[in-house]
């Protein structure tokens, strides 16, 4: 069944047990409400299979807008699937996903996309009709190997805006599809995230941000989860600054995503980043062809960041 917003509190209280049975670990308190209810989106995309008033399987998606050259597209990102071990092998994954896609299509959702893991990837293809868009490599940098000449010799005027209180203009019209990032979305995604703490480094002028890099500590390294820059020169200045700060903080590695067809990739290569692991599957399924971005299954039409995934 599709969960209505009025039914969410009762269902949510029981999803923790299903998560524990499925993955063998507890879910972070507050995560479910943050992700599915308190996200600024009108729709709740959550389908469950119930037995005796308890959920035994679920499939969900997160409503998220894409933008290309100023036009906004309504889509959804596929989220975590859960099936209690005693209910596996009964076709519930396909049943719940099909039910949810039909529901989402009914209010104009053009496509569903996401990042299946290695276990679920073949099932998204064989059972849900997904298409591969790309296999995204992680770019990695050994911070100790960065040449000092590539780091800022004088203090660059970089500000911190972890609360996303400044103004964040629309992304450049470069023909690429990306997740729509209004200020409200950024504050929800990073500042109010109940699982992770993020830092946001910005270049701005009179309170208007021109470039920013959001980071998250990961073990003895740092993930550059969101790199948005207006020019290659600002990318070089800001990324060099973040690398320098990370190295001075005693961190050893830096990680990020950057497609080869974007100028940021060249700046990262200049700093010494190289393609590495993990490699992340990226794919999707069209629901309403006329409402989806043109040629959206071609990765060269995308600009994706780690922060567009629910993993980072």
Protein backbone atom coordinates (compact mmCIF):
# COMPACT_ATOMS: atom_id res chain seq x y z
CA UNK A 1 0.00 0.00 0.00
CA UNK A 2 1.02 3.63 -0.51
CA UNK A 3 1.55 5.36 2.83
CA UNK A 4 -0.43 8.58 3.25
CA UNK A 5 1.07 11.44 5.23
CA UNK A 6 -1.60 10.95 7.92
CA UNK A 7 -0.52 7.30 8.27
CA UNK A 8 3.19 8.06 8.44
CA UNK A 9 3.63 8.43 12.25
CA UNK A 10 2.19 4.96 12.95
CA UNK A 11 4.19 3.31 10.14
CA UNK A 12 7.41 5.12 11.00
CA UNK A 13 7.36 3.81 14.56
CA UNK A 14 7.54 0.25 13.18
CA UNK A 15 10.07 0.79 10.39
CA UNK A 16 13.00 0.72 12.79
CA UNK A 17 12.39 -2.97 13.49
CA UNK A 18 12.15 -3.73 9.77
CA UNK A 19 15.40 -1.85 9.11
CA UNK A 20 17.16 -3.78 11.89
CA UNK A 21 15.87 -7.14 10.59
CA UNK A 22 16.89 -6.29 7.01
CA UNK A 23 20.34 -4.75 7.56
CA UNK A 24 21.35 -5.95 11.02
CA UNK A 25 21.82 -2.45 12.42
CA UNK A 26 19.68 0.28 13.89
CA UNK A 27 18.58 3.31 11.91
CA UNK A 28 19.60 6.78 13.07
CA UNK A 29 16.82 8.39 15.17
CA UNK A 30 15.14 11.16 13.27
CA UNK A 31 16.41 10.06 9.87
CA UNK A 32 13.11 8.78 8.50
CA UNK A 33 11.18 11.94 9.35
CA UNK A 34 14.00 14.11 7.97
CA UNK A 35 14.25 12.21 4.70
CA UNK A 36 10.61 11.53 3.94
CA UNK A 37 8.47 14.06 5.79
CA UNK A 38 10.43 17.20 6.72
CA UNK A 39 12.05 17.69 3.30
CA UNK A 40 9.99 20.53 1.85
CA UNK A 41 8.32 18.20 -0.65
CA UNK A 42 4.55 17.78 -0.90
CA UNK A 43 4.53 14.09 -1.82
CA UNK A 44 5.41 11.15 0.40
CA UNK A 45 6.66 8.31 -1.79
CA UNK A 46 6.62 5.25 0.44
CA UNK A 47 5.06 1.86 -0.28
CA UNK A 48 4.82 -0.96 2.27
CA UNK A 49 3.63 -4.54 2.55
CA UNK A 50 1.84 -5.15 5.84
CA UNK A 51 1.14 -8.27 7.89
CA UNK A 52 -0.93 -7.97 11.07
CA UNK A 53 -0.37 -4.20 11.13
CA UNK A 54 3.42 -4.58 10.86
CA UNK A 55 5.47 -3.63 7.78
CA UNK A 56 7.38 -6.60 6.35
CA UNK A 57 8.74 -4.92 3.20
CA UNK A 58 9.05 -1.42 1.80
CA UNK A 59 10.16 0.49 -1.28
CA UNK A 60 10.50 4.26 -1.26
CA UNK A 61 11.66 7.22 -3.28
CA UNK A 62 12.51 10.83 -2.54
CA UNK A 63 10.82 13.52 -4.66
CA UNK A 64 13.60 15.71 -6.05
CA UNK A 65 13.62 18.27 -8.82
CA UNK A 66 16.19 18.32 -11.58
CA UNK A 67 17.13 21.45 -13.48
CA UNK A 68 18.66 22.08 -16.89
CA UNK A 69 19.19 25.55 -18.32
CA UNK A 70 16.61 27.05 -15.99
CA UNK A 71 13.86 24.50 -16.61
CA UNK A 72 12.83 22.41 -13.60
CA UNK A 73 11.77 18.76 -13.95
CA UNK A 74 9.85 16.73 -11.36
CA UNK A 75 11.58 13.40 -10.68
CA UNK A 76 12.25 11.02 -7.79
CA UNK A 77 15.37 9.37 -6.42
CA UNK A 78 15.03 5.68 -5.55
CA UNK A 79 15.76 5.05 -1.88
CA UNK A 80 16.45 2.13 0.43
CA UNK A 81 14.51 -1.08 -0.09
CA UNK A 82 13.74 -3.29 2.89
CA UNK A 83 12.39 -6.83 3.11
CA UNK A 84 12.23 -8.87 6.29
CA UNK A 85 14.29 -12.07 5.87
CA UNK A 86 11.19 -14.24 6.35
CA UNK A 87 9.48 -12.45 3.43
CA UNK A 88 12.27 -12.50 0.90
CA UNK A 89 11.79 -14.30 -2.40
CA UNK A 90 8.09 -13.44 -2.71
CA UNK A 91 8.37 -10.72 -5.35
CA UNK A 92 7.61 -7.86 -2.95
CA UNK A 93 10.41 -5.63 -4.30
CA UNK A 94 8.89 -5.60 -7.78
CA UNK A 95 5.33 -5.33 -6.47
CA UNK A 96 5.99 -2.34 -4.22
CA UNK A 97 8.18 -0.52 -6.75
CA UNK A 98 5.62 -0.94 -9.53
CA UNK A 99 2.91 0.34 -7.21
CA UNK A 100 4.97 3.36 -6.22
CA UNK A 101 5.97 4.22 -9.81
CA UNK A 102 2.32 4.24 -10.90
CA UNK A 103 1.44 6.50 -7.99
CA UNK A 104 4.32 8.90 -8.70
CA UNK A 105 3.49 8.99 -12.40
CA UNK A 106 -0.04 10.03 -11.49
CA UNK A 107 1.11 13.41 -10.18
CA UNK A 108 3.58 14.13 -12.98
CA UNK A 109 6.84 12.50 -11.91
CA UNK A 110 8.85 12.27 -15.14
CA UNK A 111 11.45 9.70 -14.08
CA UNK A 112 12.93 7.77 -11.19
CA UNK A 113 16.69 7.47 -10.85
CA UNK A 114 19.27 6.47 -8.30
CA UNK A 115 22.34 4.55 -7.26
CA UNK A 116 21.69 0.79 -6.85
CA UNK A 117 24.31 -1.13 -4.93
CA UNK A 118 25.98 -4.23 -6.35
CA UNK A 119 23.37 -6.53 -4.80
CA UNK A 120 20.29 -4.69 -6.04
CA UNK A 121 21.66 -3.51 -9.40
CA UNK A 122 20.68 -6.59 -11.45
CA UNK A 123 17.19 -6.60 -9.93
CA UNK A 124 16.57 -2.98 -10.92
CA UNK A 125 17.27 -4.05 -14.50
CA UNK A 126 15.48 -7.38 -14.65
CA UNK A 127 12.47 -6.53 -12.50
CA UNK A 128 11.97 -2.76 -12.69
CA UNK A 129 13.03 -1.94 -16.25
CA UNK A 130 15.85 0.41 -15.31
CA UNK A 131 18.60 1.49 -17.71
CA UNK A 132 22.23 2.09 -16.79
CA UNK A 133 23.41 5.66 -17.20
CA UNK A 134 26.96 5.34 -15.90
CA UNK A 135 29.32 3.69 -13.44
CA UNK A 136 30.68 6.61 -11.43
CA UNK A 137 34.29 6.28 -10.23
CA UNK A 138 35.38 7.89 -6.99
CA UNK A 139 38.22 10.36 -7.48
CA UNK A 140 40.82 10.10 -4.72
CA UNK A 141 43.79 12.18 -3.61
CA UNK A 142 46.60 11.38 -1.20
CA UNK A 143 46.83 14.72 0.58
CA UNK A 144 50.50 14.22 1.43
CA UNK A 145 51.37 14.06 -2.27
CA UNK A 146 49.95 17.46 -3.24
CA UNK A 147 52.71 19.74 -4.52
CA UNK A 148 53.03 22.85 -2.30
CA UNK A 149 53.01 25.09 -5.38
CA UNK A 150 49.43 23.98 -6.04
CA UNK A 151 48.22 25.16 -2.66
CA UNK A 152 47.35 28.81 -1.94
CA UNK A 153 50.46 30.63 -0.67
CA UNK A 154 48.41 33.47 0.79
CA UNK A 155 45.09 33.30 2.53
CA UNK A 156 42.27 33.12 0.01
CA UNK A 157 39.09 34.88 1.16
CA UNK A 158 37.01 31.78 1.78
CA UNK A 159 34.07 31.97 4.14
CA UNK A 160 32.15 29.29 6.01
CA UNK A 161 28.38 29.09 5.59
CA UNK A 162 27.45 25.82 7.24
CA UNK A 163 23.89 27.05 7.85
CA UNK A 164 23.43 28.10 4.19
CA UNK A 165 22.28 31.56 5.23
CA UNK A 166 23.76 33.36 2.22
CA UNK A 167 22.14 33.69 -1.20
CA UNK A 168 22.70 30.79 -3.62
CA UNK A 169 21.86 31.76 -7.23
CA UNK A 170 20.57 29.37 -9.89
CA UNK A 171 23.25 27.09 -11.41
CA UNK A 172 24.93 28.12 -14.67
CA UNK A 173 23.11 27.41 -17.92
CA UNK A 174 25.63 24.95 -19.27
CA UNK A 175 23.29 22.39 -20.81
CA UNK A 176 23.82 19.88 -17.99
CA UNK A 177 21.16 18.21 -15.87
CA UNK A 178 21.68 18.42 -12.12
CA UNK A 179 19.74 18.27 -8.89
CA UNK A 180 17.98 21.59 -8.31
CA UNK A 181 19.72 23.27 -5.37
CA UNK A 182 17.76 26.23 -4.03
CA UNK A 183 18.91 27.56 -0.70
CA UNK A 184 16.12 25.72 1.14
CA UNK A 185 17.16 22.39 -0.33
CA UNK A 186 20.82 22.91 0.62
CA UNK A 187 19.91 23.81 4.20
CA UNK A 188 17.73 20.70 4.47
CA UNK A 189 20.25 18.36 2.83
CA UNK A 190 23.32 19.44 4.77
CA UNK A 191 22.62 21.79 7.71
CA UNK A 192 19.67 19.77 9.08
CA UNK A 193 21.00 16.29 8.27
CA UNK A 194 20.56 14.10 11.40
CA UNK A 195 23.29 11.62 10.44
CA UNK A 196 26.30 13.65 9.29
CA UNK A 197 28.01 16.96 10.02
CA UNK A 198 29.03 19.02 6.99
CA UNK A 199 31.24 22.06 6.41
CA UNK A 200 30.46 24.49 3.61
CA UNK A 201 33.27 26.64 2.15
CA UNK A 202 32.18 29.47 -0.11
CA UNK A 203 33.45 32.25 -2.33
CA UNK A 204 31.00 35.12 -2.22
CA UNK A 205 30.52 38.75 -2.98
CA UNK A 206 28.21 40.88 -0.83
CA UNK A 207 26.49 37.77 0.53
CA UNK A 208 25.90 36.18 -2.87
CA UNK A 209 27.71 32.86 -3.29
CA UNK A 210 29.51 32.26 -6.58
CA UNK A 211 31.16 28.93 -5.69
CA UNK A 212 31.00 26.48 -2.81
CA UNK A 213 32.35 23.11 -1.66
CA UNK A 214 30.56 21.06 0.99
CA UNK A 215 32.75 18.57 2.89
CA UNK A 216 32.22 15.72 5.34
CA UNK A 217 34.84 13.96 7.44
CA UNK A 218 35.18 10.26 6.63
CA UNK A 219 37.52 8.13 8.76
CA UNK A 220 40.99 9.69 8.26
CA UNK A 221 39.90 11.55 5.15
CA UNK A 222 37.39 14.00 3.77
CA UNK A 223 34.59 13.66 1.22
CA UNK A 224 34.06 16.66 -1.03
CA UNK A 225 30.37 15.87 -1.34
CA UNK A 226 29.19 18.92 -3.28
CA UNK A 227 31.39 20.97 -5.62
CA UNK A 228 29.60 23.85 -7.35
CA UNK A 229 31.77 26.49 -8.99
CA UNK A 230 31.07 29.31 -11.41
CA UNK A 231 34.43 29.35 -13.22
CA UNK A 232 37.51 27.08 -13.49
CA UNK A 233 39.54 29.76 -11.73
CA UNK A 234 37.19 29.82 -8.74
CA UNK A 235 37.23 26.01 -8.76
CA UNK A 236 41.03 26.07 -8.54
CA UNK A 237 41.08 28.65 -5.73
CA UNK A 238 38.37 27.00 -3.64
CA UNK A 239 39.44 23.38 -4.10
CA UNK A 240 43.09 24.25 -3.38
CA UNK A 241 41.98 25.96 -0.19
CA UNK A 242 39.89 22.97 0.94
CA UNK A 243 42.76 20.58 0.18
CA UNK A 244 45.18 22.75 2.14
CA UNK A 245 42.87 22.94 5.16
CA UNK A 246 42.29 19.19 5.07
CA UNK A 247 46.00 18.45 4.95
CA UNK A 248 46.75 20.88 7.78
CA UNK A 249 44.04 19.17 9.84
CA UNK A 250 45.94 15.89 9.62
CA UNK A 251 43.61 14.20 7.18
CA UNK A 252 45.22 11.78 4.74
CA UNK A 253 42.81 11.31 1.83
CA UNK A 254 40.25 13.33 -0.10
CA UNK A 255 37.43 11.85 -2.21
CA UNK A 256 34.87 13.25 -4.65
CA UNK A 257 32.90 12.76 -7.87
CA UNK A 258 33.51 14.78 -11.02
CA UNK A 259 32.49 13.88 -14.60
CA UNK A 260 35.21 14.18 -17.22
CA UNK A 261 33.05 16.49 -19.34
CA UNK A 262 33.01 19.21 -16.65
CA UNK A 263 35.78 21.75 -16.00
CA UNK A 264 35.96 20.73 -12.32
CA UNK A 265 37.40 17.38 -13.37
CA UNK A 266 40.43 19.05 -14.94
CA UNK A 267 41.05 21.11 -11.81
CA UNK A 268 40.90 18.00 -9.66
CA UNK A 269 43.35 16.21 -11.96
CA UNK A 270 45.68 19.21 -11.69
CA UNK A 271 45.59 18.83 -7.90
CA UNK A 272 46.42 15.12 -8.25
CA UNK A 273 43.04 13.41 -7.90
CA UNK A 274 42.77 10.11 -9.78
CA UNK A 275 39.93 7.72 -10.55
CA UNK A 276 39.65 5.07 -7.86
CA UNK A 277 37.09 2.98 -5.99
CA UNK A 278 34.32 2.60 -5.02
CA UNK A 279 32.53 2.67 -8.35
CA UNK A 280 28.84 3.58 -8.04
CA UNK A 281 26.07 2.40 -10.34
CA UNK A 282 23.86 5.21 -11.63
CA UNK A 283 20.68 4.49 -13.57
CA UNK A 284 17.01 5.18 -13.89
CA UNK A 285 13.67 4.60 -15.51
CA UNK A 286 11.52 7.00 -17.50
CA UNK A 287 7.91 7.38 -16.33
CA UNK A 288 6.67 10.24 -18.55
CA UNK A 289 8.83 10.74 -21.62
CA UNK A 290 7.44 14.16 -22.54
CA UNK A 291 8.18 15.50 -19.04
CA UNK A 292 11.77 14.24 -18.69
CA UNK A 293 14.93 16.14 -19.68
CA UNK A 294 16.00 15.39 -23.24
CA UNK A 295 18.48 12.53 -23.67
CA UNK A 296 18.59 12.15 -19.90
CA UNK A 297 20.03 8.61 -20.06
CA UNK A 298 23.26 10.02 -21.53
CA UNK A 299 25.70 10.68 -18.68
CA UNK A 300 27.43 13.44 -20.64
CA UNK A 301 24.30 15.49 -20.02
CA UNK A 302 24.65 15.25 -16.24
CA UNK A 303 26.57 16.93 -13.45
CA UNK A 304 26.28 14.74 -10.35
CA UNK A 305 27.86 15.03 -6.93
CA UNK A 306 28.25 12.66 -3.98
CA UNK A 307 25.65 14.71 -2.11
CA UNK A 308 23.05 13.76 -4.73
CA UNK A 309 23.19 10.23 -3.31
CA UNK A 310 21.72 9.24 0.04
CA UNK A 311 24.96 7.42 0.96
CA UNK A 312 27.07 10.53 1.55
